[in-house]
Amino acid sequence: MPFMLELFTHPGCMSRQDGSQLILDALNDFPQVSFREVNMVANCKRTSSLGVKMSPTLVFNDKIITVGIPRTEELKALLQKAVKESTHVS
């Protein structure tokens, strides 16, 4: 099963650059997870359909896992839980 982590931000979001780097660092432990940034303005339908209201928001396989960028260890714990839960879904 493919895993996708998305960072929803808007242009000018102060957390975007640092957050992206932190996420990429954390994903070194999760090679099975793909990552992409999503511009909330340019992708407003997708943003709205997922219930994303604030920037930055992290979405894993179409489910919001956190609003804001957590510290690296917290993000790794969130990803580990999300991967485990997604693996056990039928």
PDB file of N, CA and C in Angstrom:
ATOM      1  N   MET A   1       0.840  -1.181   0.000  1.00  0.00           N
ATOM      2  CA  MET A   1       0.000   0.000   0.000  1.00  0.00           C
ATOM      3  C   MET A   1       0.886   1.246   0.000  1.00  0.00           C
ATOM      4  N   PRO A   2       0.630   2.183  -0.914  1.00  0.00           N
ATOM      5  CA  PRO A   2       1.428   3.410  -0.937  1.00  0.00           C
ATOM      6  C   PRO A   2       1.013   4.357   0.189  1.00  0.00           C
ATOM      7  N   PHE A   3       1.973   5.078   0.700  1.00  0.00           N
ATOM      8  CA  PHE A   3       1.728   6.056   1.757  1.00  0.00           C
ATOM      9  C   PHE A   3       2.115   7.427   1.240  1.00  0.00           C
ATOM     10  N   MET A   4       1.287   8.436   1.540  1.00  0.00           N
ATOM     11  CA  MET A   4       1.559   9.796   1.093  1.00  0.00           C
ATOM     12  C   MET A   4       1.394  10.761   2.266  1.00  0.00           C
ATOM     13  N   LEU A   5       2.432  11.539   2.501  1.00  0.00           N
ATOM     14  CA  LEU A   5       2.385  12.611   3.482  1.00  0.00           C
ATOM     15  C   LEU A   5       2.382  13.923   2.707  1.00  0.00           C
ATOM     16  N   GLU A   6       1.403  14.766   3.018  1.00  0.00           N
ATOM     17  CA  GLU A   6       1.289  16.048   2.333  1.00  0.00           C
ATOM     18  C   GLU A   6       1.370  17.182   3.345  1.00  0.00           C
ATOM     19  N   LEU A   7       2.120  18.215   2.982  1.00  0.00           N
ATOM     20  CA  LEU A   7       2.221  19.426   3.788  1.00  0.00           C
ATOM     21  C   LEU A   7       1.402  20.503   3.088  1.00  0.00           C
ATOM     22  N   PHE A   8       0.287  20.886   3.697  1.00  0.00           N
ATOM     23  CA  PHE A   8      -0.566  21.931   3.153  1.00  0.00           C
ATOM     24  C   PHE A   8      -0.118  23.271   3.715  1.00  0.00           C
ATOM     25  N   THR A   9       0.267  24.167   2.829  1.00  0.00           N
ATOM     26  CA  THR A   9       0.686  25.507   3.222  1.00  0.00           C
ATOM     27  C   THR A   9       0.112  26.519   2.232  1.00  0.00           C
ATOM     28  N   HIS A  10       0.263  27.774   2.578  1.00  0.00           N
ATOM     29  CA  HIS A  10      -0.121  28.828   1.643  1.00  0.00           C
ATOM     30  C   HIS A  10       1.117  29.655   1.314  1.00  0.00           C
ATOM     31  N   PRO A  11       1.091  30.345   0.209  1.00  0.00           N
ATOM     32  CA  PRO A  11       2.243  31.185  -0.135  1.00  0.00           C
ATOM     33  C   PRO A  11       2.517  32.165   1.008  1.00  0.00           C
ATOM     34  N   GLY A  12       3.758  32.255   1.388  1.00  0.00           N
ATOM     35  CA  GLY A  12       4.141  33.160   2.470  1.00  0.00           C
ATOM     36  C   GLY A  12       4.109  32.529   3.846  1.00  0.00           C
ATOM     37  N   CYS A  13       3.724  31.269   3.949  1.00  0.00           N
ATOM     38  CA  CYS A  13       3.709  30.586   5.245  1.00  0.00           C
ATOM     39  C   CYS A  13       5.133  30.556   5.796  1.00  0.00           C
ATOM     40  N   MET A  14       5.328  31.080   6.974  1.00  0.00           N
ATOM     41  CA  MET A  14       6.653  31.186   7.567  1.00  0.00           C
ATOM     42  C   MET A  14       7.245  29.812   7.919  1.00  0.00           C
ATOM     43  N   SER A  15       6.412  28.818   8.150  1.00  0.00           N
ATOM     44  CA  SER A  15       6.876  27.492   8.556  1.00  0.00           C
ATOM     45  C   SER A  15       7.225  26.587   7.387  1.00  0.00           C
ATOM     46  N   ARG A  16       6.903  27.019   6.179  1.00  0.00           N
ATOM     47  CA  ARG A  16       7.013  26.145   5.016  1.00  0.00           C
ATOM     48  C   ARG A  16       8.417  25.589   4.800  1.00  0.00           C
ATOM     49  N   GLN A  17       9.400  26.447   4.693  1.00  0.00           N
ATOM     50  CA  GLN A  17      10.743  25.969   4.360  1.00  0.00           C
ATOM     51  C   GLN A  17      11.350  25.125   5.477  1.00  0.00           C
ATOM     52  N   ASP A  18      11.317  25.630   6.705  1.00  0.00           N
ATOM     53  CA  ASP A  18      11.864  24.861   7.826  1.00  0.00           C
ATOM     54  C   ASP A  18      11.068  23.584   8.047  1.00  0.00           C
ATOM     55  N   GLY A  19       9.756  23.683   7.896  1.00  0.00           N
ATOM     56  CA  GLY A  19       8.905  22.512   8.079  1.00  0.00           C
ATOM     57  C   GLY A  19       9.181  21.434   7.058  1.00  0.00           C
ATOM     58  N   SER A  20       9.376  21.834   5.816  1.00  0.00           N
ATOM     59  CA  SER A  20       9.675  20.861   4.760  1.00  0.00           C
ATOM     60  C   SER A  20      10.976  20.131   5.056  1.00  0.00           C
ATOM     61  N   GLN A  21      11.979  20.844   5.505  1.00  0.00           N
ATOM     62  CA  GLN A  21      13.266  20.211   5.811  1.00  0.00           C
ATOM     63  C   GLN A  21      13.135  19.257   6.989  1.00  0.00           C
ATOM     64  N   LEU A  22      12.417  19.654   8.015  1.00  0.00           N
ATOM     65  CA  LEU A  22      12.196  18.783   9.174  1.00  0.00           C
ATOM     66  C   LEU A  22      11.470  17.509   8.735  1.00  0.00           C
ATOM     67  N   ILE A  23      10.471  17.667   7.891  1.00  0.00           N
ATOM     68  CA  ILE A  23       9.709  16.514   7.395  1.00  0.00           C
ATOM     69  C   ILE A  23      10.613  15.587   6.593  1.00  0.00           C
ATOM     70  N   LEU A  24      11.392  16.150   5.696  1.00  0.00           N
ATOM     71  CA  LEU A  24      12.305  15.326   4.892  1.00  0.00           C
ATOM     72  C   LEU A  24      13.304  14.589   5.779  1.00  0.00           C
ATOM     73  N   ASP A  25      13.791  15.236   6.813  1.00  0.00           N
ATOM     74  CA  ASP A  25      14.701  14.573   7.755  1.00  0.00           C
ATOM     75  C   ASP A  25      14.003  13.409   8.454  1.00  0.00           C
ATOM     76  N   ALA A  26      12.786  13.628   8.912  1.00  0.00           N
ATOM     77  CA  ALA A  26      12.035  12.569   9.597  1.00  0.00           C
ATOM     78  C   ALA A  26      11.729  11.413   8.657  1.00  0.00           C
ATOM     79  N   LEU A  27      11.473  11.725   7.387  1.00  0.00           N
ATOM     80  CA  LEU A  27      11.116  10.680   6.423  1.00  0.00           C
ATOM     81  C   LEU A  27      12.289   9.777   6.056  1.00  0.00           C
ATOM     82  N   ASN A  28      13.502  10.132   6.468  1.00  0.00           N
ATOM     83  CA  ASN A  28      14.635   9.224   6.258  1.00  0.00           C
ATOM     84  C   ASN A  28      14.381   7.870   6.906  1.00  0.00           C
ATOM     85  N   ASP A  29      13.581   7.857   7.979  1.00  0.00           N
ATOM     86  CA  ASP A  29      13.240   6.610   8.668  1.00  0.00           C
ATOM     87  C   ASP A  29      12.019   5.922   8.070  1.00  0.00           C
ATOM     88  N   PHE A  30      11.408   6.527   7.065  1.00  0.00           N
ATOM     89  CA  PHE A  30      10.185   5.998   6.469  1.00  0.00           C
ATOM     90  C   PHE A  30      10.282   6.012   4.946  1.00  0.00           C
ATOM     91  N   PRO A  31      11.125   5.164   4.373  1.00  0.00           N
ATOM     92  CA  PRO A  31      11.305   5.178   2.916  1.00  0.00           C
ATOM     93  C   PRO A  31      10.041   4.798   2.146  1.00  0.00           C
ATOM     94  N   GLN A  32       9.092   4.188   2.798  1.00  0.00           N
ATOM     95  CA  GLN A  32       7.848   3.777   2.144  1.00  0.00           C
ATOM     96  C   GLN A  32       6.851   4.935   2.015  1.00  0.00           C
ATOM     97  N   VAL A  33       7.184   6.090   2.599  1.00  0.00           N
ATOM     98  CA  VAL A  33       6.272   7.242   2.584  1.00  0.00           C
ATOM     99  C   VAL A  33       6.762   8.288   1.587  1.00  0.00           C
ATOM    100  N   SER A  34       5.893   8.643   0.658  1.00  0.00           N
ATOM    101  CA  SER A  34       6.181   9.723  -0.286  1.00  0.00           C
ATOM    102  C   SER A  34       5.757  11.046   0.340  1.00  0.00           C
ATOM    103  N   PHE A  35       6.313  12.133  -0.168  1.00  0.00           N
ATOM    104  CA  PHE A  35       6.020  13.446   0.391  1.00  0.00           C
ATOM    105  C   PHE A  35       5.817  14.462  -0.721  1.00  0.00           C
ATOM    106  N   ARG A  36       4.859  15.353  -0.489  1.00  0.00           N
ATOM    107  CA  ARG A  36       4.689  16.485  -1.397  1.00  0.00           C
ATOM    108  C   ARG A  36       4.096  17.662  -0.621  1.00  0.00           C
ATOM    109  N   GLU A  37       4.424  18.835  -1.113  1.00  0.00           N
ATOM    110  CA  GLU A  37       3.840  20.061  -0.582  1.00  0.00           C
ATOM    111  C   GLU A  37       2.628  20.411  -1.414  1.00  0.00           C
ATOM    112  N   VAL A  38       1.594  20.916  -0.768  1.00  0.00           N
ATOM    113  CA  VAL A  38       0.367  21.296  -1.452  1.00  0.00           C
ATOM    114  C   VAL A  38       0.081  22.764  -1.139  1.00  0.00           C
ATOM    115  N   ASN A  39      -0.044  23.557  -2.180  1.00  0.00           N
ATOM    116  CA  ASN A  39      -0.401  24.959  -2.048  1.00  0.00           C
ATOM    117  C   ASN A  39      -1.906  25.032  -1.811  1.00  0.00           C
ATOM    118  N   MET A  40      -2.287  25.512  -0.633  1.00  0.00           N
ATOM    119  CA  MET A  40      -3.699  25.554  -0.259  1.00  0.00           C
ATOM    120  C   MET A  40      -4.522  26.445  -1.184  1.00  0.00           C
ATOM    121  N   VAL A  41      -3.925  27.502  -1.689  1.00  0.00           N
ATOM    122  CA  VAL A  41      -4.637  28.439  -2.558  1.00  0.00           C
ATOM    123  C   VAL A  41      -4.875  27.821  -3.932  1.00  0.00           C
ATOM    124  N   ALA A  42      -3.823  27.235  -4.493  1.00  0.00           N
ATOM    125  CA  ALA A  42      -3.924  26.645  -5.832  1.00  0.00           C
ATOM    126  C   ALA A  42      -4.742  25.359  -5.844  1.00  0.00           C
ATOM    127  N   ASN A  43      -4.865  24.709  -4.698  1.00  0.00           N
ATOM    128  CA  ASN A  43      -5.590  23.438  -4.599  1.00  0.00           C
ATOM    129  C   ASN A  43      -6.728  23.554  -3.586  1.00  0.00           C
ATOM    130  N   CYS A  44      -7.523  24.601  -3.722  1.00  0.00           N
ATOM    131  CA  CYS A  44      -8.545  24.886  -2.710  1.00  0.00           C
ATOM    132  C   CYS A  44      -9.623  23.802  -2.613  1.00  0.00           C
ATOM    133  N   LYS A  45      -9.970  23.141  -3.719  1.00  0.00           N
ATOM    134  CA  LYS A  45     -10.980  22.077  -3.649  1.00  0.00           C
ATOM    135  C   LYS A  45     -10.486  20.906  -2.810  1.00  0.00           C
ATOM    136  N   ARG A  46      -9.245  20.477  -3.068  1.00  0.00           N
ATOM    137  CA  ARG A  46      -8.669  19.366  -2.288  1.00  0.00           C
ATOM    138  C   ARG A  46      -8.512  19.781  -0.832  1.00  0.00           C
ATOM    139  N   THR A  47      -8.023  20.978  -0.609  1.00  0.00           N
ATOM    140  CA  THR A  47      -7.840  21.495   0.747  1.00  0.00           C
ATOM    141  C   THR A  47      -9.159  21.455   1.504  1.00  0.00           C
ATOM    142  N   SER A  48     -10.198  21.949   0.875  1.00  0.00           N
ATOM    143  CA  SER A  48     -11.521  21.994   1.489  1.00  0.00           C
ATOM    144  C   SER A  48     -12.087  20.596   1.715  1.00  0.00           C
ATOM    145  N   SER A  49     -11.917  19.710   0.741  1.00  0.00           N
ATOM    146  CA  SER A  49     -12.481  18.356   0.852  1.00  0.00           C
ATOM    147  C   SER A  49     -11.863  17.570   2.007  1.00  0.00           C
ATOM    148  N   LEU A  50     -10.614  17.890   2.351  1.00  0.00           N
ATOM    149  CA  LEU A  50      -9.949  17.200   3.459  1.00  0.00           C
ATOM    150  C   LEU A  50     -10.192  17.884   4.806  1.00  0.00           C
ATOM    151  N   GLY A  51     -10.800  19.053   4.777  1.00  0.00           N
ATOM    152  CA  GLY A  51     -11.068  19.785   6.014  1.00  0.00           C
ATOM    153  C   GLY A  51      -9.873  20.583   6.522  1.00  0.00           C
ATOM    154  N   VAL A  52      -8.896  20.826   5.651  1.00  0.00           N
ATOM    155  CA  VAL A  52      -7.723  21.604   6.038  1.00  0.00           C
ATOM    156  C   VAL A  52      -8.131  23.067   6.095  1.00  0.00           C
ATOM    157  N   LYS A  53      -7.888  23.701   7.257  1.00  0.00           N
ATOM    158  CA  LYS A  53      -8.292  25.084   7.435  1.00  0.00           C
ATOM    159  C   LYS A  53      -7.125  26.006   7.789  1.00  0.00           C
ATOM    160  N   MET A  54      -6.015  25.437   8.255  1.00  0.00           N
ATOM    161  CA  MET A  54      -4.889  26.247   8.692  1.00  0.00           C
ATOM    162  C   MET A  54      -3.598  25.785   8.033  1.00  0.00           C
ATOM    163  N   SER A  55      -2.651  26.687   7.980  1.00  0.00           N
ATOM    164  CA  SER A  55      -1.332  26.391   7.420  1.00  0.00           C
ATOM    165  C   SER A  55      -0.297  26.571   8.522  1.00  0.00           C
ATOM    166  N   PRO A  56       0.580  25.611   8.658  1.00  0.00           N
ATOM    167  CA  PRO A  56       0.726  24.369   7.917  1.00  0.00           C
ATOM    168  C   PRO A  56      -0.101  23.245   8.541  1.00  0.00           C
ATOM    169  N   THR A  57      -0.533  22.316   7.711  1.00  0.00           N
ATOM    170  CA  THR A  57      -1.251  21.117   8.152  1.00  0.00           C
ATOM    171  C   THR A  57      -0.628  19.916   7.461  1.00  0.00           C
ATOM    172  N   LEU A  58      -0.422  18.852   8.230  1.00  0.00           N
ATOM    173  CA  LEU A  58       0.105  17.606   7.677  1.00  0.00           C
ATOM    174  C   LEU A  58      -1.026  16.606   7.509  1.00  0.00           C
ATOM    175  N   VAL A  59      -1.089  16.025   6.311  1.00  0.00           N
ATOM    176  CA  VAL A  59      -2.117  15.047   5.972  1.00  0.00           C
ATOM    177  C   VAL A  59      -1.424  13.765   5.531  1.00  0.00           C
ATOM    178  N   PHE A  60      -1.821  12.648   6.133  1.00  0.00           N
ATOM    179  CA  PHE A  60      -1.276  11.340   5.783  1.00  0.00           C
ATOM    180  C   PHE A  60      -2.384  10.508   5.188  1.00  0.00           C
ATOM    181  N   ASN A  61      -2.211  10.098   3.936  1.00  0.00           N
ATOM    182  CA  ASN A  61      -3.233   9.305   3.228  1.00  0.00           C
ATOM    183  C   ASN A  61      -4.628   9.894   3.414  1.00  0.00           C
ATOM    184  N   ASP A  62      -4.745  11.187   3.139  1.00  0.00           N
ATOM    185  CA  ASP A  62      -6.016  11.918   3.159  1.00  0.00           C
ATOM    186  C   ASP A  62      -6.613  12.102   4.554  1.00  0.00           C
ATOM    187  N   LYS A  63      -5.816  11.965   5.602  1.00  0.00           N
ATOM    188  CA  LYS A  63      -6.290  12.170   6.972  1.00  0.00           C
ATOM    189  C   LYS A  63      -5.356  13.159   7.661  1.00  0.00           C
ATOM    190  N   ILE A  64      -5.939  14.207   8.238  1.00  0.00           N
ATOM    191  CA  ILE A  64      -5.130  15.186   8.964  1.00  0.00           C
ATOM    192  C   ILE A  64      -4.504  14.511  10.172  1.00  0.00           C
ATOM    193  N   ILE A  65      -3.168  14.636  10.296  1.00  0.00           N
ATOM    194  CA  ILE A  65      -2.501  14.066  11.468  1.00  0.00           C
ATOM    195  C   ILE A  65      -2.000  15.140  12.424  1.00  0.00           C
ATOM    196  N   THR A  66      -1.805  16.358  11.938  1.00  0.00           N
ATOM    197  CA  THR A  66      -1.423  17.449  12.836  1.00  0.00           C
ATOM    198  C   THR A  66      -1.558  18.789  12.123  1.00  0.00           C
ATOM    199  N   VAL A  67      -1.897  19.785  12.906  1.00  0.00           N
ATOM    200  CA  VAL A  67      -1.871  21.168  12.434  1.00  0.00           C
ATOM    201  C   VAL A  67      -0.626  21.776  13.066  1.00  0.00           C
ATOM    202  N   GLY A  68       0.206  22.358  12.239  1.00  0.00           N
ATOM    203  CA  GLY A  68       1.498  22.844  12.707  1.00  0.00           C
ATOM    204  C   GLY A  68       2.549  21.783  12.444  1.00  0.00           C
ATOM    205  N   ILE A  69       3.798  22.182  12.586  1.00  0.00           N
ATOM    206  CA  ILE A  69       4.909  21.257  12.358  1.00  0.00           C
ATOM    207  C   ILE A  69       5.457  20.821  13.713  1.00  0.00           C
ATOM    208  N   PRO A  70       5.311  19.549  14.044  1.00  0.00           N
ATOM    209  CA  PRO A  70       5.837  19.070  15.324  1.00  0.00           C
ATOM    210  C   PRO A  70       7.357  18.911  15.266  1.00  0.00           C
ATOM    211  N   ARG A  71       7.948  18.709  16.426  1.00  0.00           N
ATOM    212  CA  ARG A  71       9.383  18.407  16.475  1.00  0.00           C
ATOM    213  C   ARG A  71       9.629  17.064  15.794  1.00  0.00           C
ATOM    214  N   THR A  72      10.868  16.816  15.417  1.00  0.00           N
ATOM    215  CA  THR A  72      11.221  15.628  14.638  1.00  0.00           C
ATOM    216  C   THR A  72      10.759  14.337  15.312  1.00  0.00           C
ATOM    217  N   GLU A  73      11.054  14.170  16.596  1.00  0.00           N
ATOM    218  CA  GLU A  73      10.690  12.914  17.268  1.00  0.00           C
ATOM    219  C   GLU A  73       9.180  12.733  17.349  1.00  0.00           C
ATOM    220  N   GLU A  74       8.449  13.822  17.569  1.00  0.00           N
ATOM    221  CA  GLU A  74       6.990  13.737  17.601  1.00  0.00           C
ATOM    222  C   GLU A  74       6.450  13.378  16.218  1.00  0.00           C
ATOM    223  N   LEU A  75       7.036  13.973  15.182  1.00  0.00           N
ATOM    224  CA  LEU A  75       6.609  13.657  13.820  1.00  0.00           C
ATOM    225  C   LEU A  75       6.876  12.187  13.500  1.00  0.00           C
ATOM    226  N   LYS A  76       8.023  11.675  13.891  1.00  0.00           N
ATOM    227  CA  LYS A  76       8.325  10.257  13.658  1.00  0.00           C
ATOM    228  C   LYS A  76       7.312   9.364  14.351  1.00  0.00           C
ATOM    229  N   ALA A  77       6.921   9.728  15.570  1.00  0.00           N
ATOM    230  CA  ALA A  77       5.918   8.933  16.297  1.00  0.00           C
ATOM    231  C   ALA A  77       4.567   8.992  15.579  1.00  0.00           C
ATOM    232  N   LEU A  78       4.182  10.171  15.096  1.00  0.00           N
ATOM    233  CA  LEU A  78       2.927  10.309  14.349  1.00  0.00           C
ATOM    234  C   LEU A  78       2.954   9.471  13.074  1.00  0.00           C
ATOM    235  N   LEU A  79       4.085   9.504  12.371  1.00  0.00           N
ATOM    236  CA  LEU A  79       4.209   8.725  11.140  1.00  0.00           C
ATOM    237  C   LEU A  79       4.180   7.232  11.414  1.00  0.00           C
ATOM    238  N   GLN A  80       4.864   6.815  12.459  1.00  0.00           N
ATOM    239  CA  GLN A  80       4.870   5.391  12.803  1.00  0.00           C
ATOM    240  C   GLN A  80       3.446   4.908  13.094  1.00  0.00           C
ATOM    241  N   LYS A  81       2.697   5.701  13.842  1.00  0.00           N
ATOM    242  CA  LYS A  81       1.312   5.357  14.162  1.00  0.00           C
ATOM    243  C   LYS A  81       0.455   5.344  12.890  1.00  0.00           C
ATOM    244  N   ALA A  82       0.615   6.352  12.042  1.00  0.00           N
ATOM    245  CA  ALA A  82      -0.191   6.447  10.818  1.00  0.00           C
ATOM    246  C   ALA A  82       0.096   5.291   9.866  1.00  0.00           C
ATOM    247  N   VAL A  83       1.367   4.935   9.711  1.00  0.00           N
ATOM    248  CA  VAL A  83       1.731   3.807   8.842  1.00  0.00           C
ATOM    249  C   VAL A  83       1.125   2.527   9.394  1.00  0.00           C
ATOM    250  N   LYS A  84       1.253   2.336  10.703  1.00  0.00           N
ATOM    251  CA  LYS A  84       0.725   1.112  11.336  1.00  0.00           C
ATOM    252  C   LYS A  84      -0.795   1.028  11.138  1.00  0.00           C
ATOM    253  N   GLU A  85      -1.489   2.128  11.382  1.00  0.00           N
ATOM    254  CA  GLU A  85      -2.950   2.144  11.240  1.00  0.00           C
ATOM    255  C   GLU A  85      -3.368   1.908   9.782  1.00  0.00           C
ATOM    256  N   SER A  86      -2.645   2.512   8.852  1.00  0.00           N
ATOM    257  CA  SER A  86      -2.976   2.350   7.432  1.00  0.00           C
ATOM    258  C   SER A  86      -2.682   0.943   6.938  1.00  0.00           C
ATOM    259  N   THR A  87      -1.695   0.300   7.528  1.00  0.00           N
ATOM    260  CA  THR A  87      -1.328  -1.062   7.136  1.00  0.00           C
ATOM    261  C   THR A  87      -2.394  -2.055   7.595  1.00  0.00           C
ATOM    262  N   HIS A  88      -3.065  -1.748   8.720  1.00  0.00           N
ATOM    263  CA  HIS A  88      -4.049  -2.666   9.282  1.00  0.00           C
ATOM    264  C   HIS A  88      -5.469  -2.417   8.781  1.00  0.00           C
ATOM    265  N   VAL A  89      -5.644  -1.439   7.914  1.00  0.00           N
ATOM    266  CA  VAL A  89      -6.970  -1.157   7.361  1.00  0.00           C
ATOM    267  C   VAL A  89      -7.226  -2.118   6.213  1.00  0.00           C
ATOM    268  N   SER A  90      -8.420  -2.706   6.189  1.00  0.00           N
ATOM    269  CA  SER A  90      -8.761  -3.639   5.111  1.00  0.00           C
ATOM    270  C   SER A  90      -9.300  -2.920   3.919  1.00  0.00           C
TER     271      SER A  90
END
